[in-house]
Amino acid sequence: MAMADLIPTLDNEGLANLRANAQRLETSSVARQAEQASALLPLIDAELAERLTRVPPKAPAKARAKKTAVLVEDADEDDDES
């Protein structure tokens, strides 16, 4: 199976590792490895872009209701006045 065929089956970490290795090999002194890496990078980038579009958007933060202070009268104060 060709490496290009495996790209969709990789998890995000595996895809990130493959991209890092392809970038490293692209600057390799071995011409064949550099050519293969150069061919894979656009495919990897396309897969990463597609995965980003599939991620559901974050839900907007819910506004919290402000708490209002409640004045509590002391019951003992009412007894002193009687």
N, C-alpha and C. Protein backbone atom coordinates (compact mmCIF):
# COMPACT_ATOMS: atom_id res chain seq x y z
N MET A 1 0.85 -1.17 0.00
CA MET A 1 0.00 0.00 0.00
C MET A 1 0.90 1.24 0.00
N ALA A 2 0.55 2.20 -0.80
CA ALA A 2 1.33 3.43 -0.90
C ALA A 2 1.08 4.31 0.32
N MET A 3 2.07 5.10 0.68
CA MET A 3 1.95 5.99 1.84
C MET A 3 0.80 6.97 1.66
N ALA A 4 0.58 7.44 0.45
CA ALA A 4 -0.51 8.39 0.18
C ALA A 4 -1.86 7.77 0.52
N ASP A 5 -1.99 6.46 0.35
CA ASP A 5 -3.26 5.78 0.66
C ASP A 5 -3.48 5.65 2.17
N LEU A 6 -2.42 5.71 2.93
CA LEU A 6 -2.52 5.57 4.39
C LEU A 6 -2.88 6.88 5.08
N ILE A 7 -2.69 8.00 4.42
CA ILE A 7 -2.89 9.31 5.05
C ILE A 7 -4.27 9.44 5.71
N PRO A 8 -5.37 9.08 5.05
CA PRO A 8 -6.68 9.24 5.71
C PRO A 8 -6.89 8.33 6.91
N THR A 9 -6.11 7.27 7.02
CA THR A 9 -6.31 6.33 8.13
C THR A 9 -5.51 6.70 9.37
N LEU A 10 -4.59 7.65 9.24
CA LEU A 10 -3.76 8.04 10.38
C LEU A 10 -4.54 8.92 11.35
N ASP A 11 -4.20 8.80 12.63
CA ASP A 11 -4.79 9.72 13.60
C ASP A 11 -4.04 11.05 13.51
N ASN A 12 -4.50 12.04 14.24
CA ASN A 12 -3.92 13.37 14.15
C ASN A 12 -2.43 13.38 14.52
N GLU A 13 -2.07 12.63 15.54
CA GLU A 13 -0.67 12.58 15.96
C GLU A 13 0.19 11.92 14.89
N GLY A 14 -0.29 10.84 14.32
CA GLY A 14 0.44 10.15 13.26
C GLY A 14 0.60 11.02 12.03
N LEU A 15 -0.45 11.77 11.72
CA LEU A 15 -0.40 12.67 10.57
C LEU A 15 0.60 13.80 10.81
N ALA A 16 0.64 14.32 12.02
CA ALA A 16 1.60 15.37 12.36
C ALA A 16 3.02 14.84 12.28
N ASN A 17 3.25 13.62 12.75
CA ASN A 17 4.58 13.01 12.66
C ASN A 17 4.99 12.78 11.21
N LEU A 18 4.05 12.31 10.40
CA LEU A 18 4.34 12.08 8.99
C LEU A 18 4.72 13.39 8.30
N ARG A 19 4.00 14.46 8.64
CA ARG A 19 4.29 15.76 8.04
C ARG A 19 5.67 16.26 8.45
N ALA A 20 6.01 16.10 9.71
CA ALA A 20 7.33 16.52 10.18
C ALA A 20 8.43 15.72 9.49
N ASN A 21 8.22 14.42 9.33
CA ASN A 21 9.22 13.59 8.65
C ASN A 21 9.32 13.95 7.17
N ALA A 22 8.20 14.22 6.54
CA ALA A 22 8.22 14.60 5.12
C ALA A 22 8.96 15.93 4.93
N GLN A 23 8.73 16.87 5.84
CA GLN A 23 9.45 18.14 5.75
C GLN A 23 10.95 17.93 5.92
N ARG A 24 11.32 17.07 6.84
CA ARG A 24 12.74 16.78 7.06
C ARG A 24 13.35 16.12 5.84
N LEU A 25 12.63 15.14 5.26
CA LEU A 25 13.15 14.42 4.10
C LEU A 25 13.16 15.26 2.84
N GLU A 26 12.31 16.26 2.81
CA GLU A 26 12.25 17.13 1.63
C GLU A 26 13.59 17.86 1.43
N THR A 27 14.29 18.10 2.51
CA THR A 27 15.60 18.76 2.42
C THR A 27 16.74 17.75 2.44
N SER A 28 16.39 16.47 2.31
CA SER A 28 17.38 15.40 2.35
C SER A 28 18.29 15.46 1.12
N SER A 29 19.47 14.93 1.29
CA SER A 29 20.42 14.90 0.17
C SER A 29 20.09 13.78 -0.81
N VAL A 30 19.24 12.85 -0.40
CA VAL A 30 18.84 11.76 -1.28
C VAL A 30 17.66 12.24 -2.13
N ALA A 31 17.89 12.34 -3.42
CA ALA A 31 16.91 12.93 -4.33
C ALA A 31 15.58 12.18 -4.32
N ARG A 32 15.62 10.87 -4.29
CA ARG A 32 14.38 10.07 -4.34
C ARG A 32 13.52 10.36 -3.11
N GLN A 33 14.12 10.41 -1.92
CA GLN A 33 13.37 10.69 -0.70
C GLN A 33 12.80 12.10 -0.74
N ALA A 34 13.56 13.04 -1.21
CA ALA A 34 13.11 14.42 -1.29
C ALA A 34 11.91 14.54 -2.23
N GLU A 35 11.96 13.85 -3.36
CA GLU A 35 10.85 13.89 -4.32
C GLU A 35 9.58 13.27 -3.73
N GLN A 36 9.74 12.14 -3.05
CA GLN A 36 8.58 11.49 -2.44
C GLN A 36 7.99 12.36 -1.34
N ALA A 37 8.83 12.97 -0.54
CA ALA A 37 8.35 13.84 0.53
C ALA A 37 7.63 15.05 -0.05
N SER A 38 8.18 15.62 -1.11
CA SER A 38 7.55 16.77 -1.76
C SER A 38 6.18 16.41 -2.33
N ALA A 39 6.03 15.18 -2.79
CA ALA A 39 4.75 14.74 -3.32
C ALA A 39 3.73 14.49 -2.21
N LEU A 40 4.20 14.08 -1.03
CA LEU A 40 3.29 13.78 0.07
C LEU A 40 2.81 15.02 0.82
N LEU A 41 3.64 16.04 0.91
CA LEU A 41 3.29 17.22 1.72
C LEU A 41 1.96 17.86 1.31
N PRO A 42 1.67 18.06 0.02
CA PRO A 42 0.36 18.64 -0.32
C PRO A 42 -0.82 17.74 0.08
N LEU A 43 -0.61 16.43 -0.01
CA LEU A 43 -1.67 15.49 0.38
C LEU A 43 -1.90 15.54 1.89
N ILE A 44 -0.83 15.63 2.64
CA ILE A 44 -0.93 15.72 4.10
C ILE A 44 -1.62 17.03 4.49
N ASP A 45 -1.20 18.12 3.88
CA ASP A 45 -1.81 19.42 4.19
C ASP A 45 -3.29 19.44 3.84
N ALA A 46 -3.66 18.82 2.73
CA ALA A 46 -5.07 18.76 2.34
C ALA A 46 -5.89 17.97 3.36
N GLU A 47 -5.32 16.87 3.85
CA GLU A 47 -6.02 16.06 4.87
C GLU A 47 -6.17 16.84 6.17
N LEU A 48 -5.13 17.55 6.57
CA LEU A 48 -5.21 18.37 7.78
C LEU A 48 -6.28 19.46 7.63
N ALA A 49 -6.33 20.09 6.48
CA ALA A 49 -7.33 21.15 6.24
C ALA A 49 -8.74 20.57 6.27
N GLU A 50 -8.91 19.40 5.70
CA GLU A 50 -10.23 18.77 5.71
C GLU A 50 -10.66 18.41 7.13
N ARG A 51 -9.73 17.94 7.92
CA ARG A 51 -10.07 17.59 9.31
C ARG A 51 -10.46 18.83 10.11
N LEU A 52 -9.84 19.95 9.82
CA LEU A 52 -10.20 21.19 10.53
C LEU A 52 -11.62 21.62 10.19
N THR A 53 -12.06 21.37 8.96
CA THR A 53 -13.43 21.74 8.59
C THR A 53 -14.46 20.82 9.23
N ARG A 54 -14.04 19.61 9.59
CA ARG A 54 -14.96 18.66 10.22
C ARG A 54 -15.10 18.85 11.72
N VAL A 55 -14.23 19.63 12.31
CA VAL A 55 -14.31 19.87 13.76
C VAL A 55 -15.50 20.78 14.01
N PRO A 56 -16.41 20.36 14.89
CA PRO A 56 -17.58 21.21 15.17
C PRO A 56 -17.14 22.51 15.83
N PRO A 57 -17.82 23.61 15.49
CA PRO A 57 -17.45 24.89 16.11
C PRO A 57 -17.74 24.87 17.61
N LYS A 58 -16.97 25.63 18.34
CA LYS A 58 -17.18 25.71 19.78
C LYS A 58 -18.48 26.45 20.05
N ALA A 59 -19.21 25.98 21.03
CA ALA A 59 -20.45 26.63 21.42
C ALA A 59 -20.12 27.97 22.06
N PRO A 60 -20.93 28.98 21.77
CA PRO A 60 -20.65 30.28 22.39
C PRO A 60 -20.83 30.19 23.91
N ALA A 61 -20.07 30.96 24.60
CA ALA A 61 -20.15 30.95 26.06
C ALA A 61 -21.52 31.47 26.49
N LYS A 62 -22.09 30.79 27.43
CA LYS A 62 -23.40 31.21 27.94
C LYS A 62 -23.21 32.38 28.90
N ALA A 63 -24.09 33.34 28.76
CA ALA A 63 -24.03 34.49 29.67
C ALA A 63 -24.57 34.06 31.03
N ARG A 64 -23.85 34.38 32.02
CA ARG A 64 -24.29 34.02 33.37
C ARG A 64 -25.13 35.16 33.93
N ALA A 65 -26.17 34.77 34.63
CA ALA A 65 -27.01 35.77 35.28
C ALA A 65 -26.25 36.37 36.46
N LYS A 66 -26.35 37.66 36.59
CA LYS A 66 -25.67 38.31 37.70
C LYS A 66 -26.42 38.02 38.98
N LYS A 67 -25.69 37.75 40.01
CA LYS A 67 -26.30 37.50 41.30
C LYS A 67 -26.59 38.84 41.95
N THR A 68 -27.77 38.97 42.50
CA THR A 68 -28.11 40.20 43.19
C THR A 68 -28.03 39.97 44.69
N ALA A 69 -27.55 40.95 45.35
CA ALA A 69 -27.42 40.84 46.81
C ALA A 69 -28.80 40.97 47.43
N VAL A 70 -29.04 40.15 48.42
CA VAL A 70 -30.31 40.17 49.12
C VAL A 70 -30.05 40.71 50.52
N LEU A 71 -30.81 41.72 50.88
CA LEU A 71 -30.66 42.32 52.19
C LEU A 71 -31.45 41.50 53.19
N VAL A 72 -30.76 41.01 54.19
CA VAL A 72 -31.40 40.20 55.22
C VAL A 72 -31.37 41.02 56.51
N GLU A 73 -32.56 41.25 57.04
CA GLU A 73 -32.64 42.02 58.29
C GLU A 73 -32.49 41.07 59.46
N ASP A 74 -31.84 41.54 60.47
CA ASP A 74 -31.63 40.74 61.66
C ASP A 74 -32.91 40.76 62.48
N ALA A 75 -33.44 39.60 62.84
CA ALA A 75 -34.69 39.51 63.59
C ALA A 75 -34.51 40.05 65.01
N ASP A 76 -33.34 40.01 65.59
CA ASP A 76 -33.09 40.48 66.94
C ASP A 76 -33.28 41.98 67.05
N GLU A 77 -33.02 42.73 65.99
CA GLU A 77 -33.16 44.18 66.03
C GLU A 77 -34.62 44.58 66.19
N ASP A 78 -35.54 43.83 65.60
CA ASP A 78 -36.96 44.13 65.73
C ASP A 78 -37.44 43.90 67.16
N ASP A 79 -36.90 42.90 67.85
CA ASP A 79 -37.32 42.61 69.22
C ASP A 79 -36.86 43.69 70.20
N ASP A 80 -35.73 44.33 69.93
CA ASP A 80 -35.20 45.36 70.83
C ASP A 80 -36.07 46.61 70.82
N GLU A 81 -36.75 46.90 69.74
CA GLU A 81 -37.54 48.11 69.63
C GLU A 81 -38.88 48.00 70.34
N SER A 82 -39.37 46.82 70.62
CA SER A 82 -40.68 46.67 71.24
C SER A 82 -40.69 46.97 72.70
